[in-house]
């Protein structure tokens, strides 16, 4: 429990940020999961369109500071690589 008014305020701010960050992370996870599911099904065209929304969600999370910009960029690159090589023989 907070002992001072400023600590109380900080606690409230932290809780609001936590809730907002949770929503952003959930949106990112859902978008990435959709791309991976479409790739597993073999739907390359669907995965390509889902990649656009996933990269937007990752970029948005990075701009808000929820994810580090390099981490978001790395995830986008790995998804794009997977989509580019979808349906091609190994």
N, C-alpha and C. Protein backbone atom coordinates (compact mmCIF):
# COMPACT_ATOMS: atom_id res chain seq x y z
N UNK A 1 0.84 -1.19 0.00
CA UNK A 1 0.00 0.00 0.00
C UNK A 1 0.88 1.24 0.00
N UNK A 2 0.44 2.24 -0.74
CA UNK A 2 1.21 3.48 -0.86
C UNK A 2 1.13 4.29 0.44
N UNK A 3 2.27 4.88 0.80
CA UNK A 3 2.32 5.66 2.04
C UNK A 3 2.09 7.14 1.82
N UNK A 4 2.38 7.64 0.62
CA UNK A 4 2.22 9.07 0.34
C UNK A 4 1.24 9.26 -0.81
N UNK A 5 0.78 10.53 -0.96
CA UNK A 5 -0.15 10.82 -2.04
C UNK A 5 0.51 10.63 -3.40
N UNK A 6 1.80 10.98 -3.49
CA UNK A 6 2.49 10.83 -4.78
C UNK A 6 2.67 9.35 -5.12
N UNK A 7 2.92 8.54 -4.11
CA UNK A 7 3.06 7.10 -4.34
C UNK A 7 1.72 6.49 -4.73
N UNK A 8 0.65 7.01 -4.16
CA UNK A 8 -0.70 6.56 -4.52
C UNK A 8 -0.98 6.87 -5.99
N UNK A 9 -0.61 8.09 -6.40
CA UNK A 9 -0.81 8.51 -7.78
C UNK A 9 0.01 7.63 -8.73
N UNK A 10 1.25 7.39 -8.38
CA UNK A 10 2.10 6.54 -9.20
C UNK A 10 1.51 5.14 -9.34
N UNK A 11 0.94 4.64 -8.26
CA UNK A 11 0.33 3.31 -8.28
C UNK A 11 -0.85 3.28 -9.26
N UNK A 12 -1.65 4.33 -9.24
CA UNK A 12 -2.81 4.41 -10.15
C UNK A 12 -2.34 4.51 -11.60
N UNK A 13 -1.30 5.33 -11.83
CA UNK A 13 -0.77 5.48 -13.18
C UNK A 13 -0.22 4.15 -13.70
N UNK A 14 0.50 3.46 -12.84
CA UNK A 14 1.08 2.18 -13.23
C UNK A 14 0.00 1.16 -13.59
N UNK A 15 -1.09 1.17 -12.84
CA UNK A 15 -2.18 0.24 -13.11
C UNK A 15 -2.84 0.56 -14.45
N UNK A 16 -3.05 1.85 -14.73
CA UNK A 16 -3.64 2.24 -16.02
C UNK A 16 -2.72 1.82 -17.17
N UNK A 17 -1.43 2.03 -17.01
CA UNK A 17 -0.48 1.64 -18.06
C UNK A 17 -0.46 0.12 -18.24
N UNK A 18 -0.53 -0.60 -17.13
CA UNK A 18 -0.52 -2.06 -17.19
C UNK A 18 -1.71 -2.56 -18.00
N UNK A 19 -2.88 -1.99 -17.73
CA UNK A 19 -4.09 -2.40 -18.45
C UNK A 19 -3.96 -2.09 -19.94
N UNK A 20 -3.45 -0.90 -20.27
CA UNK A 20 -3.30 -0.51 -21.66
C UNK A 20 -2.28 -1.40 -22.37
N UNK A 21 -1.15 -1.67 -21.70
CA UNK A 21 -0.12 -2.52 -22.28
C UNK A 21 -0.63 -3.94 -22.50
N UNK A 22 -1.46 -4.42 -21.60
CA UNK A 22 -2.04 -5.75 -21.71
C UNK A 22 -2.88 -5.85 -22.98
N UNK A 23 -3.68 -4.81 -23.25
CA UNK A 23 -4.50 -4.81 -24.46
C UNK A 23 -3.64 -4.83 -25.72
N UNK A 24 -2.58 -4.03 -25.70
CA UNK A 24 -1.71 -3.96 -26.87
C UNK A 24 -1.01 -5.30 -27.10
N UNK A 25 -0.50 -5.90 -26.02
CA UNK A 25 0.19 -7.19 -26.15
C UNK A 25 -0.75 -8.28 -26.63
N UNK A 26 -1.99 -8.25 -26.15
CA UNK A 26 -2.99 -9.25 -26.57
C UNK A 26 -3.29 -9.11 -28.06
N UNK A 27 -3.41 -7.86 -28.53
CA UNK A 27 -3.68 -7.62 -29.94
C UNK A 27 -2.52 -8.13 -30.81
N UNK A 28 -1.31 -7.89 -30.34
CA UNK A 28 -0.12 -8.34 -31.08
C UNK A 28 -0.09 -9.86 -31.14
N UNK A 29 -0.30 -10.50 -30.00
CA UNK A 29 -0.26 -11.97 -29.95
C UNK A 29 -1.30 -12.58 -30.87
N UNK A 30 -2.49 -12.00 -30.89
CA UNK A 30 -3.56 -12.51 -31.75
C UNK A 30 -3.22 -12.38 -33.22
N UNK A 31 -2.64 -11.24 -33.59
CA UNK A 31 -2.29 -11.01 -35.00
C UNK A 31 -1.19 -11.95 -35.45
N UNK A 32 -0.18 -12.15 -34.60
CA UNK A 32 0.92 -13.06 -34.95
C UNK A 32 0.42 -14.50 -35.02
N UNK A 33 -0.44 -14.86 -34.09
CA UNK A 33 -1.00 -16.22 -34.06
C UNK A 33 -1.80 -16.50 -35.34
N UNK A 34 -2.53 -15.49 -35.82
CA UNK A 34 -3.32 -15.66 -37.03
C UNK A 34 -2.42 -15.95 -38.23
N UNK A 35 -1.30 -15.22 -38.33
CA UNK A 35 -0.36 -15.45 -39.44
C UNK A 35 0.19 -16.87 -39.36
N UNK A 36 0.61 -17.28 -38.18
CA UNK A 36 1.20 -18.62 -38.00
C UNK A 36 0.19 -19.73 -38.31
N UNK A 37 -1.06 -19.52 -37.91
CA UNK A 37 -2.10 -20.53 -38.20
C UNK A 37 -2.34 -20.66 -39.71
N UNK A 38 -2.38 -19.51 -40.39
CA UNK A 38 -2.59 -19.53 -41.84
C UNK A 38 -1.41 -20.19 -42.55
N UNK A 39 -0.21 -19.96 -42.05
CA UNK A 39 0.97 -20.61 -42.62
C UNK A 39 0.90 -22.13 -42.41
N UNK A 40 0.48 -22.55 -41.24
CA UNK A 40 0.38 -23.97 -40.93
C UNK A 40 -0.66 -24.65 -41.81
N UNK A 41 -1.72 -23.91 -42.13
CA UNK A 41 -2.76 -24.45 -43.00
C UNK A 41 -2.35 -24.46 -44.46
N UNK A 42 -1.30 -23.70 -44.79
CA UNK A 42 -0.85 -23.64 -46.17
C UNK A 42 -1.50 -22.54 -46.98
N UNK A 43 -2.16 -21.61 -46.31
CA UNK A 43 -2.82 -20.49 -46.98
C UNK A 43 -1.85 -19.32 -47.09
N UNK A 44 -1.02 -19.33 -48.13
CA UNK A 44 0.02 -18.30 -48.29
C UNK A 44 -0.58 -16.93 -48.55
N UNK A 45 -1.64 -16.87 -49.35
CA UNK A 45 -2.25 -15.57 -49.67
C UNK A 45 -2.88 -14.95 -48.42
N UNK A 46 -3.56 -15.78 -47.66
CA UNK A 46 -4.17 -15.28 -46.42
C UNK A 46 -3.12 -14.84 -45.42
N UNK A 47 -2.03 -15.60 -45.36
CA UNK A 47 -0.93 -15.26 -44.45
C UNK A 47 -0.30 -13.94 -44.83
N UNK A 48 -0.22 -13.69 -46.14
CA UNK A 48 0.38 -12.44 -46.61
C UNK A 48 -0.45 -11.24 -46.18
N UNK A 49 -1.77 -11.36 -46.28
CA UNK A 49 -2.63 -10.25 -45.87
C UNK A 49 -2.65 -10.11 -44.35
N UNK A 50 -2.57 -11.23 -43.64
CA UNK A 50 -2.55 -11.18 -42.18
C UNK A 50 -1.22 -10.61 -41.67
N UNK A 51 -0.16 -10.79 -42.46
CA UNK A 51 1.15 -10.24 -42.11
C UNK A 51 1.10 -8.72 -42.03
N UNK A 52 0.33 -8.10 -42.91
CA UNK A 52 0.22 -6.64 -42.92
C UNK A 52 -0.37 -6.15 -41.60
N UNK A 53 -1.45 -6.78 -41.15
CA UNK A 53 -2.07 -6.35 -39.89
C UNK A 53 -1.18 -6.69 -38.70
N UNK A 54 -0.46 -7.80 -38.77
CA UNK A 54 0.44 -8.17 -37.68
C UNK A 54 1.60 -7.19 -37.58
N UNK A 55 2.14 -6.78 -38.71
CA UNK A 55 3.25 -5.82 -38.68
C UNK A 55 2.78 -4.46 -38.19
N UNK A 56 1.56 -4.08 -38.54
CA UNK A 56 1.00 -2.83 -38.03
C UNK A 56 0.84 -2.89 -36.51
N UNK A 57 0.35 -4.01 -36.01
CA UNK A 57 0.16 -4.17 -34.56
C UNK A 57 1.51 -4.15 -33.84
N UNK A 58 2.50 -4.80 -34.42
CA UNK A 58 3.84 -4.80 -33.81
C UNK A 58 4.46 -3.41 -33.83
N UNK A 59 4.31 -2.70 -34.94
CA UNK A 59 4.84 -1.34 -35.02
C UNK A 59 4.15 -0.42 -34.02
N UNK A 60 2.87 -0.59 -33.88
CA UNK A 60 2.11 0.24 -32.94
C UNK A 60 2.56 -0.04 -31.51
N UNK A 61 2.78 -1.31 -31.19
CA UNK A 61 3.24 -1.68 -29.85
C UNK A 61 4.64 -1.10 -29.59
N UNK A 62 5.48 -1.09 -30.61
CA UNK A 62 6.82 -0.53 -30.45
C UNK A 62 6.76 0.98 -30.26
N UNK A 63 5.87 1.64 -30.99
CA UNK A 63 5.77 3.09 -30.86
C UNK A 63 5.22 3.51 -29.50
N UNK A 64 4.42 2.65 -28.90
CA UNK A 64 3.87 2.95 -27.58
C UNK A 64 4.82 2.54 -26.46
N UNK A 65 5.90 1.84 -26.82
CA UNK A 65 6.86 1.45 -25.81
C UNK A 65 6.53 0.14 -25.12
N UNK A 66 5.54 -0.56 -25.62
CA UNK A 66 5.17 -1.86 -25.03
C UNK A 66 6.22 -2.89 -25.40
N UNK A 67 6.68 -2.84 -26.64
CA UNK A 67 7.76 -3.70 -27.13
C UNK A 67 8.94 -2.82 -27.52
N UNK A 68 10.13 -3.35 -27.39
CA UNK A 68 11.31 -2.63 -27.88
C UNK A 68 11.26 -2.62 -29.40
N UNK A 69 11.69 -1.52 -30.00
CA UNK A 69 11.57 -1.39 -31.46
C UNK A 69 12.35 -2.47 -32.19
N UNK A 70 13.50 -2.88 -31.65
CA UNK A 70 14.27 -3.95 -32.30
C UNK A 70 13.56 -5.29 -32.19
N UNK A 71 12.91 -5.53 -31.06
CA UNK A 71 12.17 -6.78 -30.87
C UNK A 71 11.00 -6.85 -31.85
N UNK A 72 10.29 -5.73 -32.02
CA UNK A 72 9.17 -5.69 -32.96
C UNK A 72 9.67 -5.90 -34.39
N UNK A 73 10.77 -5.26 -34.71
CA UNK A 73 11.35 -5.38 -36.05
C UNK A 73 11.79 -6.82 -36.32
N UNK A 74 12.38 -7.44 -35.33
CA UNK A 74 12.84 -8.83 -35.47
C UNK A 74 11.65 -9.76 -35.71
N UNK A 75 10.58 -9.56 -34.96
CA UNK A 75 9.40 -10.41 -35.13
C UNK A 75 8.78 -10.22 -36.51
N UNK A 76 8.72 -8.98 -36.98
CA UNK A 76 8.17 -8.71 -38.31
C UNK A 76 9.03 -9.40 -39.37
N UNK A 77 10.35 -9.29 -39.22
CA UNK A 77 11.26 -9.89 -40.20
C UNK A 77 11.09 -11.41 -40.24
N UNK A 78 10.98 -12.02 -39.09
CA UNK A 78 10.84 -13.49 -39.05
C UNK A 78 9.51 -13.94 -39.63
N UNK A 79 8.45 -13.18 -39.35
CA UNK A 79 7.15 -13.52 -39.94
C UNK A 79 7.19 -13.33 -41.46
N UNK A 80 7.79 -12.24 -41.91
CA UNK A 80 7.87 -11.97 -43.35
C UNK A 80 8.68 -13.05 -44.06
N UNK A 81 9.75 -13.51 -43.42
CA UNK A 81 10.56 -14.58 -43.99
C UNK A 81 9.74 -15.86 -44.10
N UNK A 82 8.98 -16.16 -43.05
CA UNK A 82 8.15 -17.37 -43.07
C UNK A 82 7.08 -17.29 -44.15
N UNK A 83 6.48 -16.11 -44.31
CA UNK A 83 5.44 -15.94 -45.33
C UNK A 83 6.05 -16.02 -46.73
N UNK A 84 7.23 -15.43 -46.91
CA UNK A 84 7.88 -15.44 -48.22
C UNK A 84 8.25 -16.86 -48.65
N UNK A 85 8.58 -17.71 -47.69
CA UNK A 85 8.99 -19.08 -48.01
C UNK A 85 7.85 -20.09 -47.86
N UNK A 86 6.65 -19.59 -47.69
CA UNK A 86 5.49 -20.49 -47.53
C UNK A 86 5.17 -21.15 -48.86
N UNK A 87 4.93 -22.43 -48.80
CA UNK A 87 4.54 -23.16 -49.99
C UNK A 87 5.70 -23.57 -50.88
N UNK A 88 6.90 -23.13 -50.55
CA UNK A 88 8.07 -23.53 -51.35
C UNK A 88 8.67 -24.78 -50.74
N UNK A 89 9.19 -25.66 -51.58
CA UNK A 89 9.83 -26.86 -51.04
C UNK A 89 11.11 -26.51 -50.28
N UNK A 90 11.39 -27.25 -49.23
CA UNK A 90 12.53 -26.95 -48.38
C UNK A 90 13.86 -27.25 -48.99
